[in-house]
Amino acid sequence: MDNNNNAYFAQTHEVKNQPPALENYNVYQQDIALQEAVGREDAAWANDDLLNFGQAAGSSKIIELGAQANENK
């Protein structure tokens, strides 16, 4: 019997076709439906705040904090 813990792991290949992490982007700018709704409902006055919030919400720091919160209930 082999006492090596790696004996049961299959050798495979390096996965190269994965997209980069979705982070450091503006979530508001990527949400066309939300932008259209803001315009339709005459809420364009909130655009600057929404852009700032969208940038913060898509930052790697905030995404990491969200992941930590999910792991540490």
N, C-alpha and C. Protein backbone atom coordinates (compact mmCIF):
# COMPACT_ATOMS: atom_id res chain seq x y z
N MET A 1 0.84 -1.18 0.00
CA MET A 1 0.00 0.00 0.00
C MET A 1 0.88 1.24 0.00
N ASP A 2 0.55 2.17 -0.84
CA ASP A 2 1.32 3.41 -0.97
C ASP A 2 0.86 4.41 0.07
N ASN A 3 1.75 4.90 0.91
CA ASN A 3 1.40 5.88 1.94
C ASN A 3 1.45 7.31 1.43
N ASN A 4 1.79 7.48 0.18
CA ASN A 4 1.87 8.82 -0.41
C ASN A 4 0.45 9.34 -0.65
N ASN A 5 0.08 10.46 -0.03
CA ASN A 5 -1.27 11.01 -0.18
C ASN A 5 -1.59 11.41 -1.60
N ASN A 6 -0.58 11.70 -2.41
CA ASN A 6 -0.82 12.12 -3.79
C ASN A 6 -1.07 10.94 -4.72
N ALA A 7 -0.98 9.74 -4.23
CA ALA A 7 -1.14 8.57 -5.08
C ALA A 7 -2.53 8.47 -5.69
N TYR A 8 -3.52 9.08 -5.07
CA TYR A 8 -4.88 8.96 -5.55
C TYR A 8 -5.34 10.13 -6.41
N PHE A 9 -4.49 11.10 -6.60
CA PHE A 9 -4.83 12.25 -7.43
C PHE A 9 -4.38 12.00 -8.86
N ALA A 10 -5.28 12.21 -9.78
CA ALA A 10 -4.96 12.02 -11.19
C ALA A 10 -4.07 13.16 -11.68
N GLN A 11 -3.16 12.85 -12.53
CA GLN A 11 -2.35 13.87 -13.18
C GLN A 11 -3.15 14.40 -14.36
N THR A 12 -3.21 15.69 -14.48
CA THR A 12 -4.02 16.29 -15.54
C THR A 12 -3.24 17.42 -16.18
N HIS A 13 -3.89 18.27 -16.87
CA HIS A 13 -3.26 19.36 -17.60
C HIS A 13 -3.56 20.69 -16.92
N GLU A 14 -2.85 21.71 -17.33
CA GLU A 14 -3.10 23.05 -16.84
C GLU A 14 -4.28 23.64 -17.62
N VAL A 15 -5.25 24.18 -16.91
CA VAL A 15 -6.42 24.77 -17.55
C VAL A 15 -6.08 26.20 -17.95
N LYS A 16 -6.20 26.50 -19.24
CA LYS A 16 -5.82 27.82 -19.74
C LYS A 16 -6.98 28.59 -20.34
N ASN A 17 -8.14 27.99 -20.44
CA ASN A 17 -9.27 28.64 -21.12
C ASN A 17 -10.25 29.28 -20.16
N GLN A 18 -9.78 29.73 -19.01
CA GLN A 18 -10.64 30.36 -18.03
C GLN A 18 -10.52 31.88 -18.13
N PRO A 19 -11.62 32.58 -18.03
CA PRO A 19 -11.54 34.05 -18.08
C PRO A 19 -10.90 34.58 -16.81
N PRO A 20 -10.38 35.78 -16.86
CA PRO A 20 -9.83 36.37 -15.64
C PRO A 20 -10.96 36.65 -14.64
N ALA A 21 -10.58 36.86 -13.40
CA ALA A 21 -11.57 37.16 -12.37
C ALA A 21 -12.35 38.41 -12.75
N LEU A 22 -13.64 38.39 -12.49
CA LEU A 22 -14.48 39.54 -12.77
C LEU A 22 -14.37 40.50 -11.60
N GLU A 23 -13.48 41.47 -11.72
CA GLU A 23 -13.24 42.44 -10.66
C GLU A 23 -12.64 43.70 -11.25
N ASN A 24 -12.70 44.76 -10.47
CA ASN A 24 -12.19 46.06 -10.89
C ASN A 24 -12.88 46.56 -12.16
N TYR A 25 -14.19 46.57 -12.11
CA TYR A 25 -15.00 47.09 -13.20
C TYR A 25 -16.20 47.81 -12.59
N ASN A 26 -16.86 48.62 -13.37
CA ASN A 26 -17.99 49.39 -12.88
C ASN A 26 -19.27 48.61 -13.16
N VAL A 27 -19.90 48.10 -12.10
CA VAL A 27 -21.09 47.27 -12.29
C VAL A 27 -22.26 48.06 -12.85
N TYR A 28 -22.34 49.34 -12.55
CA TYR A 28 -23.42 50.16 -13.10
C TYR A 28 -23.24 50.34 -14.61
N GLN A 29 -22.04 50.61 -15.04
CA GLN A 29 -21.81 50.80 -16.48
C GLN A 29 -22.07 49.52 -17.27
N GLN A 30 -21.97 48.37 -16.63
CA GLN A 30 -22.20 47.11 -17.31
C GLN A 30 -23.67 46.70 -17.32
N ASP A 31 -24.50 47.37 -16.56
CA ASP A 31 -25.91 47.02 -16.46
C ASP A 31 -26.76 47.95 -17.33
N ILE A 32 -26.90 47.59 -18.59
CA ILE A 32 -27.61 48.42 -19.55
C ILE A 32 -29.07 48.60 -19.15
N ALA A 33 -29.70 47.53 -18.67
CA ALA A 33 -31.11 47.62 -18.28
C ALA A 33 -31.30 48.63 -17.14
N LEU A 34 -30.39 48.62 -16.17
CA LEU A 34 -30.49 49.57 -15.07
C LEU A 34 -30.29 51.00 -15.57
N GLN A 35 -29.33 51.21 -16.45
CA GLN A 35 -29.10 52.55 -17.00
C GLN A 35 -30.34 53.04 -17.76
N GLU A 36 -30.94 52.14 -18.54
CA GLU A 36 -32.14 52.52 -19.28
C GLU A 36 -33.29 52.85 -18.32
N ALA A 37 -33.42 52.09 -17.25
CA ALA A 37 -34.48 52.35 -16.28
C ALA A 37 -34.26 53.68 -15.58
N VAL A 38 -33.02 53.99 -15.25
CA VAL A 38 -32.70 55.27 -14.61
C VAL A 38 -33.10 56.42 -15.53
N GLY A 39 -32.79 56.29 -16.82
CA GLY A 39 -33.18 57.31 -17.77
C GLY A 39 -34.69 57.40 -17.96
N ARG A 40 -35.34 56.26 -18.06
CA ARG A 40 -36.79 56.22 -18.28
C ARG A 40 -37.56 56.80 -17.10
N GLU A 41 -37.06 56.59 -15.90
CA GLU A 41 -37.76 57.03 -14.70
C GLU A 41 -37.30 58.42 -14.24
N ASP A 42 -36.66 59.15 -15.13
CA ASP A 42 -36.20 60.52 -14.83
C ASP A 42 -35.32 60.59 -13.59
N ALA A 43 -34.43 59.62 -13.45
CA ALA A 43 -33.52 59.60 -12.31
C ALA A 43 -32.08 59.88 -12.74
N ALA A 44 -31.91 60.53 -13.88
CA ALA A 44 -30.56 60.83 -14.36
C ALA A 44 -29.78 61.68 -13.37
N TRP A 45 -30.49 62.38 -12.48
CA TRP A 45 -29.82 63.17 -11.45
C TRP A 45 -28.93 62.31 -10.55
N ALA A 46 -29.20 60.99 -10.52
CA ALA A 46 -28.44 60.08 -9.66
C ALA A 46 -27.27 59.42 -10.38
N ASN A 47 -27.05 59.76 -11.65
CA ASN A 47 -26.02 59.09 -12.44
C ASN A 47 -24.63 59.14 -11.80
N ASP A 48 -24.20 60.29 -11.30
CA ASP A 48 -22.87 60.38 -10.70
C ASP A 48 -22.74 59.46 -9.49
N ASP A 49 -23.76 59.46 -8.64
CA ASP A 49 -23.73 58.57 -7.47
C ASP A 49 -23.74 57.11 -7.89
N LEU A 50 -24.54 56.77 -8.89
CA LEU A 50 -24.60 55.39 -9.37
C LEU A 50 -23.28 54.95 -9.98
N LEU A 51 -22.63 55.85 -10.71
CA LEU A 51 -21.31 55.53 -11.28
C LEU A 51 -20.30 55.29 -10.16
N ASN A 52 -20.31 56.14 -9.14
CA ASN A 52 -19.38 55.96 -8.02
C ASN A 52 -19.66 54.66 -7.27
N PHE A 53 -20.93 54.39 -7.01
CA PHE A 53 -21.29 53.15 -6.32
C PHE A 53 -20.94 51.94 -7.17
N GLY A 54 -21.21 52.02 -8.47
CA GLY A 54 -20.89 50.92 -9.37
C GLY A 54 -19.42 50.61 -9.40
N GLN A 55 -18.58 51.65 -9.35
CA GLN A 55 -17.13 51.44 -9.34
C GLN A 55 -16.70 50.77 -8.04
N ALA A 56 -17.26 51.24 -6.93
CA ALA A 56 -16.92 50.65 -5.63
C ALA A 56 -17.38 49.19 -5.55
N ALA A 57 -18.60 48.93 -6.01
CA ALA A 57 -19.17 47.58 -5.92
C ALA A 57 -18.40 46.57 -6.76
N GLY A 58 -17.77 47.01 -7.82
CA GLY A 58 -17.02 46.10 -8.68
C GLY A 58 -15.55 46.01 -8.34
N SER A 59 -15.12 46.69 -7.29
CA SER A 59 -13.70 46.67 -6.93
C SER A 59 -13.32 45.33 -6.31
N SER A 60 -12.09 44.92 -6.51
CA SER A 60 -11.63 43.65 -5.98
C SER A 60 -11.72 43.62 -4.45
N LYS A 61 -11.50 44.75 -3.81
CA LYS A 61 -11.56 44.82 -2.34
C LYS A 61 -12.97 44.49 -1.84
N ILE A 62 -13.99 45.10 -2.45
CA ILE A 62 -15.37 44.85 -2.03
C ILE A 62 -15.80 43.44 -2.37
N ILE A 63 -15.39 42.95 -3.52
CA ILE A 63 -15.73 41.57 -3.91
C ILE A 63 -15.11 40.59 -2.92
N GLU A 64 -13.87 40.83 -2.50
CA GLU A 64 -13.22 39.97 -1.52
C GLU A 64 -13.93 40.04 -0.17
N LEU A 65 -14.35 41.24 0.25
CA LEU A 65 -15.10 41.36 1.50
C LEU A 65 -16.40 40.56 1.43
N GLY A 66 -17.07 40.58 0.28
CA GLY A 66 -18.29 39.81 0.11
C GLY A 66 -18.02 38.30 0.20
N ALA A 67 -16.93 37.85 -0.40
CA ALA A 67 -16.57 36.44 -0.32
C ALA A 67 -16.26 36.03 1.12
N GLN A 68 -15.57 36.89 1.83
CA GLN A 68 -15.26 36.61 3.24
C GLN A 68 -16.54 36.55 4.07
N ALA A 69 -17.46 37.45 3.80
CA ALA A 69 -18.73 37.45 4.54
C ALA A 69 -19.51 36.16 4.26
N ASN A 70 -19.48 35.67 3.04
CA ASN A 70 -20.19 34.44 2.70
C ASN A 70 -19.55 33.24 3.39
N GLU A 71 -18.23 33.26 3.56
CA GLU A 71 -17.53 32.14 4.17
C GLU A 71 -17.61 32.16 5.69
N ASN A 72 -17.82 33.32 6.28
CA ASN A 72 -17.80 33.48 7.74
C ASN A 72 -19.12 34.07 8.24
N LYS A 73 -20.11 33.25 8.20
CA LYS A 73 -21.45 33.72 8.58
C LYS A 73 -21.52 34.01 10.05
